[in-house]
PDB file of all heavy atoms in Angstrom:
ATOM      1  N   SER A   1       0.830  -1.209   0.003  1.00  0.00           N
ATOM      2  CA  SER A   1       0.005   0.011   0.006  1.00  0.00           C
ATOM      3  C   SER A   1       0.880   1.255  -0.005  1.00  0.00           C
ATOM      4  O   SER A   1       0.546   2.246  -0.670  1.00  0.00           O
ATOM      5  CB  SER A   1      -0.919  -0.011   1.218  1.00  0.00           C
ATOM      6  OG  SER A   1      -1.695   1.175   1.270  1.00  0.00           O
ATOM      7  N   HIS A   2       1.955   1.221   0.747  1.00  0.00           N
ATOM      8  CA  HIS A   2       2.833   2.378   0.863  1.00  0.00           C
ATOM      9  C   HIS A   2       3.626   2.597  -0.420  1.00  0.00           C
ATOM     10  O   HIS A   2       3.931   3.741  -0.796  1.00  0.00           O
ATOM     11  CB  HIS A   2       3.793   2.184   2.029  1.00  0.00           C
ATOM     12  CG  HIS A   2       4.589   3.440   2.364  1.00  0.00           C
ATOM     13  ND1 HIS A   2       4.093   4.415   3.207  1.00  0.00           N
ATOM     14  CD2 HIS A   2       5.824   3.881   1.973  1.00  0.00           C
ATOM     15  CE1 HIS A   2       4.975   5.406   3.285  1.00  0.00           C
ATOM     16  NE2 HIS A   2       6.022   5.076   2.573  1.00  0.00           N
ATOM     17  N   THR A   3       4.031   1.540  -1.104  1.00  0.00           N
ATOM     18  CA  THR A   3       4.949   1.659  -2.261  1.00  0.00           C
ATOM     19  C   THR A   3       4.249   1.633  -3.609  1.00  0.00           C
ATOM     20  O   THR A   3       4.771   2.165  -4.595  1.00  0.00           O
ATOM     21  CB  THR A   3       5.998   0.534  -2.230  1.00  0.00           C
ATOM     22  OG1 THR A   3       5.334  -0.760  -2.231  1.00  0.00           O
ATOM     23  CG2 THR A   3       6.875   0.610  -0.993  1.00  0.00           C
ATOM     24  N   SER A   4       3.076   1.003  -3.705  1.00  0.00           N
ATOM     25  CA  SER A   4       2.291   0.908  -4.948  1.00  0.00           C
ATOM     26  C   SER A   4       3.203   0.591  -6.155  1.00  0.00           C
ATOM     27  O   SER A   4       3.246   1.371  -7.120  1.00  0.00           O
ATOM     28  CB  SER A   4       1.517   2.189  -5.216  1.00  0.00           C
ATOM     29  OG  SER A   4       0.621   2.460  -4.179  1.00  0.00           O
ATOM     30  N   PRO A   5       3.917  -0.526  -6.120  1.00  0.00           N
ATOM     31  CA  PRO A   5       4.928  -0.736  -7.188  1.00  0.00           C
ATOM     32  C   PRO A   5       4.321  -1.144  -8.540  1.00  0.00           C
ATOM     33  O   PRO A   5       3.348  -1.906  -8.579  1.00  0.00           O
ATOM     34  CB  PRO A   5       5.771  -1.877  -6.603  1.00  0.00           C
ATOM     35  CG  PRO A   5       4.794  -2.637  -5.758  1.00  0.00           C
ATOM     36  CD  PRO A   5       3.882  -1.622  -5.158  1.00  0.00           C
ATOM     37  N   GLU A   6       4.929  -0.636  -9.589  1.00  0.00           N
ATOM     38  CA  GLU A   6       4.628  -1.141 -10.942  1.00  0.00           C
ATOM     39  C   GLU A   6       5.641  -2.211 -11.336  1.00  0.00           C
ATOM     40  O   GLU A   6       5.396  -2.966 -12.276  1.00  0.00           O
ATOM     41  CB  GLU A   6       4.630   0.016 -11.935  1.00  0.00           C
ATOM     42  CG  GLU A   6       3.571   1.081 -11.673  1.00  0.00           C
ATOM     43  CD  GLU A   6       3.777   2.327 -12.482  1.00  0.00           C
ATOM     44  OE1 GLU A   6       3.794   2.202 -13.733  1.00  0.00           O
ATOM     45  OE2 GLU A   6       3.929   3.422 -11.898  1.00  0.00           O
ATOM     46  N   HIS A   7       6.771  -2.221 -10.605  1.00  0.00           N
ATOM     47  CA  HIS A   7       7.816  -3.193 -10.840  1.00  0.00           C
ATOM     48  C   HIS A   7       8.347  -3.618  -9.480  1.00  0.00           C
ATOM     49  O   HIS A   7       8.519  -2.779  -8.583  1.00  0.00           O
ATOM     50  CB  HIS A   7       8.956  -2.648 -11.691  1.00  0.00           C
ATOM     51  CG  HIS A   7       8.518  -1.818 -12.850  1.00  0.00           C
ATOM     52  ND1 HIS A   7       8.249  -2.389 -14.078  1.00  0.00           N
ATOM     53  CD2 HIS A   7       8.270  -0.513 -12.962  1.00  0.00           C
ATOM     54  CE1 HIS A   7       7.895  -1.415 -14.920  1.00  0.00           C
ATOM     55  NE2 HIS A   7       7.880  -0.273 -14.262  1.00  0.00           N
ATOM     56  N   ILE A   8       8.630  -4.899  -9.331  1.00  0.00           N
ATOM     57  CA  ILE A   8       9.339  -5.419  -8.148  1.00  0.00           C
ATOM     58  C   ILE A   8      10.604  -6.118  -8.648  1.00  0.00           C
ATOM     59  O   ILE A   8      10.528  -7.108  -9.365  1.00  0.00           O
ATOM     60  CB  ILE A   8       8.468  -6.388  -7.326  1.00  0.00           C
ATOM     61  CG1 ILE A   8       7.233  -5.678  -6.788  1.00  0.00           C
ATOM     62  CG2 ILE A   8       9.297  -6.990  -6.181  1.00  0.00           C
ATOM     63  CD1 ILE A   8       6.284  -6.630  -6.020  1.00  0.00           C
ATOM     64  N   LEU A   9      11.744  -5.580  -8.289  1.00  0.00           N
ATOM     65  CA  LEU A   9      13.025  -6.129  -8.732  1.00  0.00           C
ATOM     66  C   LEU A   9      13.769  -6.663  -7.528  1.00  0.00           C
ATOM     67  O   LEU A   9      14.030  -5.890  -6.588  1.00  0.00           O
ATOM     68  CB  LEU A   9      13.848  -5.077  -9.441  1.00  0.00           C
ATOM     69  CG  LEU A   9      15.058  -5.539 -10.260  1.00  0.00           C
ATOM     70  CD1 LEU A   9      15.445  -4.509 -11.313  1.00  0.00           C
ATOM     71  CD2 LEU A   9      16.293  -5.813  -9.357  1.00  0.00           C
ATOM     72  N   GLU A  10      14.074  -7.951  -7.532  1.00  0.00           N
ATOM     73  CA  GLU A  10      14.644  -8.613  -6.375  1.00  0.00           C
ATOM     74  C   GLU A  10      16.060  -9.108  -6.670  1.00  0.00           C
ATOM     75  O   GLU A  10      16.271  -9.962  -7.538  1.00  0.00           O
ATOM     76  CB  GLU A  10      13.765  -9.776  -5.916  1.00  0.00           C
ATOM     77  CG  GLU A  10      14.317 -10.473  -4.671  1.00  0.00           C
ATOM     78  CD  GLU A  10      13.370 -11.489  -4.077  1.00  0.00           C
ATOM     79  OE1 GLU A  10      12.356 -11.804  -4.729  1.00  0.00           O
ATOM     80  OE2 GLU A  10      13.687 -11.976  -2.963  1.00  0.00           O
ATOM     81  N   PHE A  11      17.005  -8.601  -5.905  1.00  0.00           N
ATOM     82  CA  PHE A  11      18.422  -9.057  -6.011  1.00  0.00           C
ATOM     83  C   PHE A  11      18.606 -10.351  -5.261  1.00  0.00           C
ATOM     84  O   PHE A  11      18.120 -10.524  -4.124  1.00  0.00           O
ATOM     85  CB  PHE A  11      19.352  -7.997  -5.429  1.00  0.00           C
ATOM     86  CG  PHE A  11      19.291  -6.648  -6.102  1.00  0.00           C
ATOM     87  CD1 PHE A  11      18.634  -5.599  -5.541  1.00  0.00           C
ATOM     88  CD2 PHE A  11      19.913  -6.473  -7.338  1.00  0.00           C
ATOM     89  CE1 PHE A  11      18.570  -4.361  -6.169  1.00  0.00           C
ATOM     90  CE2 PHE A  11      19.871  -5.253  -7.979  1.00  0.00           C
ATOM     91  CZ  PHE A  11      19.179  -4.191  -7.421  1.00  0.00           C
ATOM     92  N   GLY A  12      19.295 -11.322  -5.894  1.00  0.00           N
ATOM     93  CA  GLY A  12      19.529 -12.589  -5.232  1.00  0.00           C
ATOM     94  C   GLY A  12      18.241 -13.299  -4.894  1.00  0.00           C
ATOM     95  O   GLY A  12      18.041 -13.795  -3.789  1.00  0.00           O
ATOM     96  N   SER A  13      17.357 -13.386  -5.891  1.00  0.00           N
ATOM     97  CA  SER A  13      15.987 -13.891  -5.634  1.00  0.00           C
ATOM     98  C   SER A  13      15.888 -15.349  -5.283  1.00  0.00           C
ATOM     99  O   SER A  13      14.950 -15.720  -4.563  1.00  0.00           O
ATOM    100  CB  SER A  13      15.125 -13.605  -6.899  1.00  0.00           C
ATOM    101  OG  SER A  13      15.762 -14.142  -8.042  1.00  0.00           O
ATOM    102  N   GLY A  14      16.827 -16.182  -5.741  1.00  0.00           N
ATOM    103  CA  GLY A  14      16.739 -17.609  -5.440  1.00  0.00           C
ATOM    104  C   GLY A  14      15.411 -18.177  -5.846  1.00  0.00           C
ATOM    105  O   GLY A  14      14.954 -17.980  -6.993  1.00  0.00           O
ATOM    106  N   SER A  15      14.756 -18.886  -4.980  1.00  0.00           N
ATOM    107  CA  SER A  15      13.453 -19.514  -5.293  1.00  0.00           C
ATOM    108  C   SER A  15      12.285 -18.553  -5.113  1.00  0.00           C
ATOM    109  O   SER A  15      11.145 -18.933  -5.377  1.00  0.00           O
ATOM    110  CB  SER A  15      13.194 -20.769  -4.432  1.00  0.00           C
ATOM    111  OG  SER A  15      13.113 -20.379  -3.050  1.00  0.00           O
ATOM    112  N   SER A  16      12.562 -17.343  -4.644  1.00  0.00           N
ATOM    113  CA  SER A  16      11.542 -16.309  -4.477  1.00  0.00           C
ATOM    114  C   SER A  16      10.393 -16.684  -3.571  1.00  0.00           C
ATOM    115  O   SER A  16       9.269 -16.173  -3.692  1.00  0.00           O
ATOM    116  CB  SER A  16      10.961 -15.897  -5.871  1.00  0.00           C
ATOM    117  OG  SER A  16      11.989 -15.506  -6.753  1.00  0.00           O
ATOM    118  N   ARG A  17      10.662 -17.574  -2.649  1.00  0.00           N
ATOM    119  CA  ARG A  17       9.570 -18.126  -1.814  1.00  0.00           C
ATOM    120  C   ARG A  17       8.875 -17.029  -0.952  1.00  0.00           C
ATOM    121  O   ARG A  17       7.669 -17.029  -0.808  1.00  0.00           O
ATOM    122  CB  ARG A  17      10.049 -19.303  -0.971  1.00  0.00           C
ATOM    123  CG  ARG A  17      11.226 -18.964  -0.057  1.00  0.00           C
ATOM    124  CD  ARG A  17      11.896 -20.239   0.471  1.00  0.00           C
ATOM    125  NE  ARG A  17      11.041 -20.917   1.445  1.00  0.00           N
ATOM    126  CZ  ARG A  17      11.386 -22.079   1.991  1.00  0.00           C
ATOM    127  NH1 ARG A  17      12.499 -22.685   1.677  1.00  0.00           N
ATOM    128  NH2 ARG A  17      10.607 -22.637   2.878  1.00  0.00           N
ATOM    129  N   LYS A  18       9.679 -16.147  -0.354  1.00  0.00           N
ATOM    130  CA  LYS A  18       9.104 -15.108   0.522  1.00  0.00           C
ATOM    131  C   LYS A  18       8.446 -14.004  -0.271  1.00  0.00           C
ATOM    132  O   LYS A  18       7.572 -13.285   0.264  1.00  0.00           O
ATOM    133  CB  LYS A  18      10.151 -14.555   1.445  1.00  0.00           C
ATOM    134  CG  LYS A  18      10.647 -15.547   2.486  1.00  0.00           C
ATOM    135  CD  LYS A  18      11.839 -15.040   3.248  1.00  0.00           C
ATOM    136  CE  LYS A  18      13.033 -14.973   2.355  1.00  0.00           C
ATOM    137  NZ  LYS A  18      14.297 -14.699   3.064  1.00  0.00           N
ATOM    138  N   THR A  19       8.808 -13.828  -1.514  1.00  0.00           N
ATOM    139  CA  THR A  19       8.261 -12.758  -2.352  1.00  0.00           C
ATOM    140  C   THR A  19       6.765 -12.964  -2.564  1.00  0.00           C
ATOM    141  O   THR A  19       6.052 -12.010  -2.873  1.00  0.00           O
ATOM    142  CB  THR A  19       9.003 -12.713  -3.669  1.00  0.00           C
ATOM    143  OG1 THR A  19      10.406 -12.843  -3.444  1.00  0.00           O
ATOM    144  CG2 THR A  19       8.741 -11.379  -4.388  1.00  0.00           C
ATOM    145  N   ARG A  20       6.313 -14.190  -2.434  1.00  0.00           N
ATOM    146  CA  ARG A  20       4.901 -14.474  -2.635  1.00  0.00           C
ATOM    147  C   ARG A  20       3.999 -13.648  -1.684  1.00  0.00           C
ATOM    148  O   ARG A  20       2.888 -13.280  -2.054  1.00  0.00           O
ATOM    149  CB  ARG A  20       4.628 -15.972  -2.412  1.00  0.00           C
ATOM    150  CG  ARG A  20       5.119 -16.890  -3.533  1.00  0.00           C
ATOM    151  CD  ARG A  20       4.818 -18.318  -3.232  1.00  0.00           C
ATOM    152  NE  ARG A  20       5.238 -19.217  -4.298  1.00  0.00           N
ATOM    153  CZ  ARG A  20       4.527 -19.509  -5.379  1.00  0.00           C
ATOM    154  NH1 ARG A  20       3.320 -18.973  -5.536  1.00  0.00           N
ATOM    155  NH2 ARG A  20       5.027 -20.352  -6.309  1.00  0.00           N
ATOM    156  N   HIS A  21       4.503 -13.347  -0.501  1.00  0.00           N
ATOM    157  CA  HIS A  21       3.695 -12.552   0.419  1.00  0.00           C
ATOM    158  C   HIS A  21       3.397 -11.160  -0.189  1.00  0.00           C
ATOM    159  O   HIS A  21       2.283 -10.641  -0.076  1.00  0.00           O
ATOM    160  CB  HIS A  21       4.420 -12.375   1.753  1.00  0.00           C
ATOM    161  CG  HIS A  21       4.620 -13.650   2.492  1.00  0.00           C
ATOM    162  ND1 HIS A  21       3.575 -14.479   2.842  1.00  0.00           N
ATOM    163  CD2 HIS A  21       5.743 -14.233   2.961  1.00  0.00           C
ATOM    164  CE1 HIS A  21       4.072 -15.526   3.497  1.00  0.00           C
ATOM    165  NE2 HIS A  21       5.366 -15.392   3.586  1.00  0.00           N
ATOM    166  N   LEU A  22       4.394 -10.590  -0.811  1.00  0.00           N
ATOM    167  CA  LEU A  22       4.216  -9.281  -1.448  1.00  0.00           C
ATOM    168  C   LEU A  22       3.326  -9.357  -2.690  1.00  0.00           C
ATOM    169  O   LEU A  22       2.479  -8.490  -2.913  1.00  0.00           O
ATOM    170  CB  LEU A  22       5.582  -8.695  -1.811  1.00  0.00           C
ATOM    171  CG  LEU A  22       6.489  -8.420  -0.607  1.00  0.00           C
ATOM    172  CD1 LEU A  22       7.900  -8.062  -1.065  1.00  0.00           C
ATOM    173  CD2 LEU A  22       5.940  -7.260   0.261  1.00  0.00           C
ATOM    174  N   LEU A  23       3.490 -10.440  -3.462  1.00  0.00           N
ATOM    175  CA  LEU A  23       2.649 -10.603  -4.647  1.00  0.00           C
ATOM    176  C   LEU A  23       1.205 -10.848  -4.278  1.00  0.00           C
ATOM    177  O   LEU A  23       0.286 -10.378  -4.961  1.00  0.00           O
ATOM    178  CB  LEU A  23       3.201 -11.744  -5.525  1.00  0.00           C
ATOM    179  CG  LEU A  23       4.605 -11.538  -6.088  1.00  0.00           C
ATOM    180  CD1 LEU A  23       5.044 -12.752  -6.874  1.00  0.00           C
ATOM    181  CD2 LEU A  23       4.654 -10.286  -6.975  1.00  0.00           C
ATOM    182  N   HIS A  24       0.989 -11.598  -3.191  1.00  0.00           N
ATOM    183  CA  HIS A  24      -0.377 -11.818  -2.710  1.00  0.00           C
ATOM    184  C   HIS A  24      -0.988 -10.485  -2.301  1.00  0.00           C
ATOM    185  O   HIS A  24      -2.175 -10.237  -2.588  1.00  0.00           O
ATOM    186  CB  HIS A  24      -0.371 -12.774  -1.551  1.00  0.00           C
ATOM    187  CG  HIS A  24      -1.736 -13.065  -0.955  1.00  0.00           C
ATOM    188  ND1 HIS A  24      -2.701 -13.757  -1.650  1.00  0.00           N
ATOM    189  CD2 HIS A  24      -2.325 -12.681   0.224  1.00  0.00           C
ATOM    190  CE1 HIS A  24      -3.783 -13.823  -0.931  1.00  0.00           C
ATOM    191  NE2 HIS A  24      -3.580 -13.204   0.230  1.00  0.00           N
ATOM    192  N   ALA A  25      -0.211  -9.618  -1.644  1.00  0.00           N
ATOM    193  CA  ALA A  25      -0.745  -8.308  -1.257  1.00  0.00           C
ATOM    194  C   ALA A  25      -1.088  -7.464  -2.486  1.00  0.00           C
ATOM    195  O   ALA A  25      -2.081  -6.762  -2.512  1.00  0.00           O
ATOM    196  CB  ALA A  25       0.267  -7.596  -0.383  1.00  0.00           C
ATOM    197  N   CYS A  26      -0.245  -7.567  -3.523  1.00  0.00           N
ATOM    198  CA  CYS A  26      -0.549  -6.854  -4.761  1.00  0.00           C
ATOM    199  C   CYS A  26      -1.886  -7.329  -5.337  1.00  0.00           C
ATOM    200  O   CYS A  26      -2.712  -6.534  -5.789  1.00  0.00           O
ATOM    201  CB  CYS A  26       0.560  -7.115  -5.795  1.00  0.00           C
ATOM    202  SG  CYS A  26       2.139  -6.254  -5.482  1.00  0.00           S
ATOM    203  N   GLU A  27      -2.062  -8.655  -5.330  1.00  0.00           N
ATOM    204  CA  GLU A  27      -3.281  -9.248  -5.880  1.00  0.00           C
ATOM    205  C   GLU A  27      -4.505  -8.747  -5.088  1.00  0.00           C
ATOM    206  O   GLU A  27      -5.535  -8.386  -5.675  1.00  0.00           O
ATOM    207  CB  GLU A  27      -3.162 -10.771  -5.792  1.00  0.00           C
ATOM    208  CG  GLU A  27      -4.160 -11.525  -6.603  1.00  0.00           C
ATOM    209  CD  GLU A  27      -3.774 -13.012  -6.702  1.00  0.00           C
ATOM    210  OE1 GLU A  27      -3.529 -13.630  -5.638  1.00  0.00           O
ATOM    211  OE2 GLU A  27      -3.700 -13.529  -7.803  1.00  0.00           O
ATOM    212  N   GLN A  28      -4.376  -8.731  -3.736  1.00  0.00           N
ATOM    213  CA  GLN A  28      -5.478  -8.322  -2.911  1.00  0.00           C
ATOM    214  C   GLN A  28      -5.838  -6.852  -3.097  1.00  0.00           C
ATOM    215  O   GLN A  28      -7.000  -6.431  -2.924  1.00  0.00           O
ATOM    216  CB  GLN A  28      -5.131  -8.563  -1.427  1.00  0.00           C
ATOM    217  CG  GLN A  28      -5.012 -10.039  -1.072  1.00  0.00           C
ATOM    218  CD  GLN A  28      -6.343 -10.772  -1.208  1.00  0.00           C
ATOM    219  OE1 GLN A  28      -7.370 -10.385  -0.696  1.00  0.00           O
ATOM    220  NE2 GLN A  28      -6.304 -11.864  -1.985  1.00  0.00           N
ATOM    221  N   GLN A  29      -4.850  -6.043  -3.480  1.00  0.00           N
ATOM    222  CA  GLN A  29      -5.069  -4.618  -3.695  1.00  0.00           C
ATOM    223  C   GLN A  29      -5.235  -4.224  -5.140  1.00  0.00           C
ATOM    224  O   GLN A  29      -5.222  -3.035  -5.480  1.00  0.00           O
ATOM    225  CB  GLN A  29      -3.908  -3.836  -3.038  1.00  0.00           C
ATOM    226  CG  GLN A  29      -3.779  -4.014  -1.556  1.00  0.00           C
ATOM    227  CD  GLN A  29      -2.598  -3.267  -0.942  1.00  0.00           C
ATOM    228  OE1 GLN A  29      -2.241  -2.205  -1.389  1.00  0.00           O
ATOM    229  NE2 GLN A  29      -1.992  -3.863   0.096  1.00  0.00           N
ATOM    230  N   ASN A  30      -5.388  -5.258  -6.002  1.00  0.00           N
ATOM    231  CA  ASN A  30      -5.583  -5.035  -7.446  1.00  0.00           C
ATOM    232  C   ASN A  30      -4.477  -4.179  -8.065  1.00  0.00           C
ATOM    233  O   ASN A  30      -4.715  -3.342  -8.918  1.00  0.00           O
ATOM    234  CB  ASN A  30      -6.925  -4.370  -7.717  1.00  0.00           C
ATOM    235  CG  ASN A  30      -8.093  -5.266  -7.371  1.00  0.00           C
ATOM    236  OD1 ASN A  30      -8.084  -6.469  -7.707  1.00  0.00           O
ATOM    237  ND2 ASN A  30      -9.100  -4.751  -6.683  1.00  0.00           N
ATOM    238  N   ILE A  31      -3.244  -4.449  -7.586  1.00  0.00           N
ATOM    239  CA  ILE A  31      -2.083  -3.794  -8.155  1.00  0.00           C
ATOM    240  C   ILE A  31      -1.386  -4.781  -9.059  1.00  0.00           C
ATOM    241  O   ILE A  31      -0.887  -5.791  -8.645  1.00  0.00           O
ATOM    242  CB  ILE A  31      -1.121  -3.344  -7.024  1.00  0.00           C
ATOM    243  CG1 ILE A  31      -1.740  -2.226  -6.192  1.00  0.00           C
ATOM    244  CG2 ILE A  31       0.219  -2.853  -7.613  1.00  0.00           C
ATOM    245  CD1 ILE A  31      -0.900  -1.815  -4.987  1.00  0.00           C
ATOM    246  N   THR A  32      -1.381  -4.495 -10.355  1.00  0.00           N
ATOM    247  CA  THR A  32      -0.701  -5.368 -11.297  1.00  0.00           C
ATOM    248  C   THR A  32       0.669  -4.790 -11.524  1.00  0.00           C
ATOM    249  O   THR A  32       0.848  -3.610 -11.768  1.00  0.00           O
ATOM    250  CB  THR A  32      -1.455  -5.449 -12.619  1.00  0.00           C
ATOM    251  OG1 THR A  32      -1.626  -4.158 -13.163  1.00  0.00           O
ATOM    252  CG2 THR A  32      -2.799  -6.126 -12.429  1.00  0.00           C
ATOM    253  N   CYS A  33       1.668  -5.655 -11.445  1.00  0.00           N
ATOM    254  CA  CYS A  33       3.055  -5.208 -11.608  1.00  0.00           C
ATOM    255  C   CYS A  33       3.812  -6.304 -12.342  1.00  0.00           C
ATOM    256  O   CYS A  33       3.302  -7.362 -12.625  1.00  0.00           O
ATOM    257  CB  CYS A  33       3.685  -4.904 -10.252  1.00  0.00           C
ATOM    258  SG  CYS A  33       3.828  -6.351  -9.190  1.00  0.00           S
ATOM    259  N   GLU A  34       5.055  -6.004 -12.694  1.00  0.00           N
ATOM    260  CA  GLU A  34       5.932  -7.041 -13.224  1.00  0.00           C
ATOM    261  C   GLU A  34       6.960  -7.375 -12.174  1.00  0.00           C
ATOM    262  O   GLU A  34       7.339  -6.536 -11.338  1.00  0.00           O
ATOM    263  CB  GLU A  34       6.591  -6.613 -14.523  1.00  0.00           C
ATOM    264  CG  GLU A  34       7.553  -5.460 -14.427  1.00  0.00           C
ATOM    265  CD  GLU A  34       8.260  -5.171 -15.768  1.00  0.00           C
ATOM    266  OE1 GLU A  34       7.739  -5.595 -16.808  1.00  0.00           O
ATOM    267  OE2 GLU A  34       9.294  -4.474 -15.760  1.00  0.00           O
ATOM    268  N   TYR A  35       7.372  -8.634 -12.194  1.00  0.00           N
ATOM    269  CA  TYR A  35       8.367  -9.131 -11.231  1.00  0.00           C
ATOM    270  C   TYR A  35       9.652  -9.459 -11.961  1.00  0.00           C
ATOM    271  O   TYR A  35       9.658 -10.196 -12.958  1.00  0.00           O
ATOM    272  CB  TYR A  35       7.825 -10.363 -10.490  1.00  0.00           C
ATOM    273  CG  TYR A  35       8.824 -11.011  -9.572  1.00  0.00           C
ATOM    274  CD1 TYR A  35       9.507 -10.257  -8.613  1.00  0.00           C
ATOM    275  CD2 TYR A  35       9.067 -12.366  -9.596  1.00  0.00           C
ATOM    276  CE1 TYR A  35      10.414 -10.839  -7.747  1.00  0.00           C
ATOM    277  CE2 TYR A  35       9.944 -12.971  -8.731  1.00  0.00           C
ATOM    278  CZ  TYR A  35      10.639 -12.219  -7.812  1.00  0.00           C
ATOM    279  OH  TYR A  35      11.531 -12.795  -6.958  1.00  0.00           O
ATOM    280  N   LEU A  36      10.780  -8.887 -11.494  1.00  0.00           N
ATOM    281  CA  LEU A  36      12.082  -9.088 -12.097  1.00  0.00           C
ATOM    282  C   LEU A  36      13.004  -9.735 -11.086  1.00  0.00           C
ATOM    283  O   LEU A  36      13.711  -9.045 -10.341  1.00  0.00           O
ATOM    284  CB  LEU A  36      12.673  -7.739 -12.585  1.00  0.00           C
ATOM    285  CG  LEU A  36      11.892  -6.992 -13.649  1.00  0.00           C
ATOM    286  CD1 LEU A  36      10.972  -5.924 -12.948  1.00  0.00           C
ATOM    287  CD2 LEU A  36      12.816  -6.318 -14.629  1.00  0.00           C
ATOM    288  N   PRO A  37      13.022 -11.086 -11.012  1.00  0.00           N
ATOM    289  CA  PRO A  37      13.983 -11.741 -10.139  1.00  0.00           C
ATOM    290  C   PRO A  37      15.370 -11.712 -10.776  1.00  0.00           C
ATOM    291  O   PRO A  37      15.544 -12.032 -11.951  1.00  0.00           O
ATOM    292  CB  PRO A  37      13.436 -13.201 -10.102  1.00  0.00           C
ATOM    293  CG  PRO A  37      12.689 -13.380 -11.373  1.00  0.00           C
ATOM    294  CD  PRO A  37      12.156 -12.023 -11.758  1.00  0.00           C
ATOM    295  N   PHE A  38      16.360 -11.353 -10.002  1.00  0.00           N
ATOM    296  CA  PHE A  38      17.738 -11.148 -10.492  1.00  0.00           C
ATOM    297  C   PHE A  38      18.643 -12.102  -9.728  1.00  0.00           C
ATOM    298  O   PHE A  38      18.820 -11.973  -8.521  1.00  0.00           O
ATOM    299  CB  PHE A  38      18.122  -9.663 -10.243  1.00  0.00           C
ATOM    300  CG  PHE A  38      19.438  -9.239 -10.860  1.00  0.00           C
ATOM    301  CD1 PHE A  38      19.844  -7.917 -10.744  1.00  0.00           C
ATOM    302  CD2 PHE A  38      20.287 -10.106 -11.513  1.00  0.00           C
ATOM    303  CE1 PHE A  38      21.041  -7.469 -11.276  1.00  0.00           C
ATOM    304  CE2 PHE A  38      21.468  -9.705 -12.069  1.00  0.00           C
ATOM    305  CZ  PHE A  38      21.847  -8.348 -11.930  1.00  0.00           C
ATOM    306  N   ASP A  39      19.210 -13.074 -10.427  1.00  0.00           N
ATOM    307  CA  ASP A  39      19.965 -14.124  -9.754  1.00  0.00           C
ATOM    308  C   ASP A  39      21.053 -14.643 -10.680  1.00  0.00           C
ATOM    309  O   ASP A  39      20.944 -14.528 -11.919  1.00  0.00           O
ATOM    310  CB  ASP A  39      19.049 -15.239  -9.288  1.00  0.00           C
ATOM    311  CG  ASP A  39      19.653 -16.046  -8.155  1.00  0.00           C
ATOM    312  OD1 ASP A  39      19.432 -15.704  -6.968  1.00  0.00           O
ATOM    313  OD2 ASP A  39      20.351 -17.038  -8.414  1.00  0.00           O
ATOM    314  N   VAL A  40      22.041 -15.271 -10.105  1.00  0.00           N
ATOM    315  CA  VAL A  40      23.155 -15.849 -10.877  1.00  0.00           C
ATOM    316  C   VAL A  40      22.832 -17.216 -11.382  1.00  0.00           C
ATOM    317  O   VAL A  40      23.459 -17.693 -12.343  1.00  0.00           O
ATOM    318  CB  VAL A  40      24.435 -15.890 -10.017  1.00  0.00           C
ATOM    319  CG1 VAL A  40      24.355 -16.936  -8.943  1.00  0.00           C
ATOM    320  CG2 VAL A  40      25.672 -16.070 -10.888  1.00  0.00           C
ATOM    321  N   CYS A  41      21.832 -17.915 -10.814  1.00  0.00           N
ATOM    322  CA  CYS A  41      21.488 -19.317 -11.171  1.00  0.00           C
ATOM    323  C   CYS A  41      20.317 -19.288 -12.175  1.00  0.00           C
ATOM    324  O   CYS A  41      19.148 -19.088 -11.797  1.00  0.00           O
ATOM    325  CB  CYS A  41      21.125 -20.087  -9.914  1.00  0.00           C
ATOM    326  SG  CYS A  41      20.730 -21.817 -10.300  1.00  0.00           S
ATOM    327  N   GLU A  42      20.643 -19.527 -13.437  1.00  0.00           N
ATOM    328  CA  GLU A  42      19.608 -19.462 -14.467  1.00  0.00           C
ATOM    329  C   GLU A  42      18.574 -20.598 -14.310  1.00  0.00           C
ATOM    330  O   GLU A  42      17.390 -20.407 -14.574  1.00  0.00           O
ATOM    331  CB  GLU A  42      20.244 -19.514 -15.868  1.00  0.00           C
ATOM    332  CG  GLU A  42      19.211 -19.341 -16.985  1.00  0.00           C
ATOM    333  CD  GLU A  42      19.843 -19.189 -18.353  1.00  0.00           C
ATOM    334  OE1 GLU A  42      21.086 -19.196 -18.422  1.00  0.00           O
ATOM    335  OE2 GLU A  42      19.104 -19.060 -19.322  1.00  0.00           O
ATOM    336  N   ASP A  43      19.038 -21.786 -13.900  1.00  0.00           N
ATOM    337  CA  ASP A  43      18.102 -22.884 -13.694  1.00  0.00           C
ATOM    338  C   ASP A  43      17.020 -22.521 -12.704  1.00  0.00           C
ATOM    339  O   ASP A  43      15.839 -22.832 -12.929  1.00  0.00           O
ATOM    340  CB  ASP A  43      18.852 -24.128 -13.223  1.00  0.00           C
ATOM    341  CG  ASP A  43      19.698 -24.776 -14.297  1.00  0.00           C
ATOM    342  OD1 ASP A  43      19.361 -24.609 -15.494  1.00  0.00           O
ATOM    343  OD2 ASP A  43      20.752 -25.398 -13.976  1.00  0.00           O
ATOM    344  N   MET A  44      17.415 -21.867 -11.631  1.00  0.00           N
ATOM    345  CA  MET A  44      16.440 -21.503 -10.603  1.00  0.00           C
ATOM    346  C   MET A  44      15.491 -20.419 -11.164  1.00  0.00           C
ATOM    347  O   MET A  44      14.268 -20.496 -10.898  1.00  0.00           O
ATOM    348  CB  MET A  44      17.125 -20.981  -9.378  1.00  0.00           C
ATOM    349  CG  MET A  44      16.193 -20.655  -8.213  1.00  0.00           C
ATOM    350  SD  MET A  44      15.286 -22.053  -7.594  1.00  0.00           S
ATOM    351  CE  MET A  44      16.603 -22.967  -6.751  1.00  0.00           C
TER     352      MET A  44
END
């Protein structure tokens, strides 16, 4: 609610498991954004 992001960019995202809490909040507030996970492991 405070940040109203259009983009969420995460350094060292890994499996992004905790990021789901923020995405769920976006969904609940009808905020559509893009997610940019930034990591060294392409497979992940």
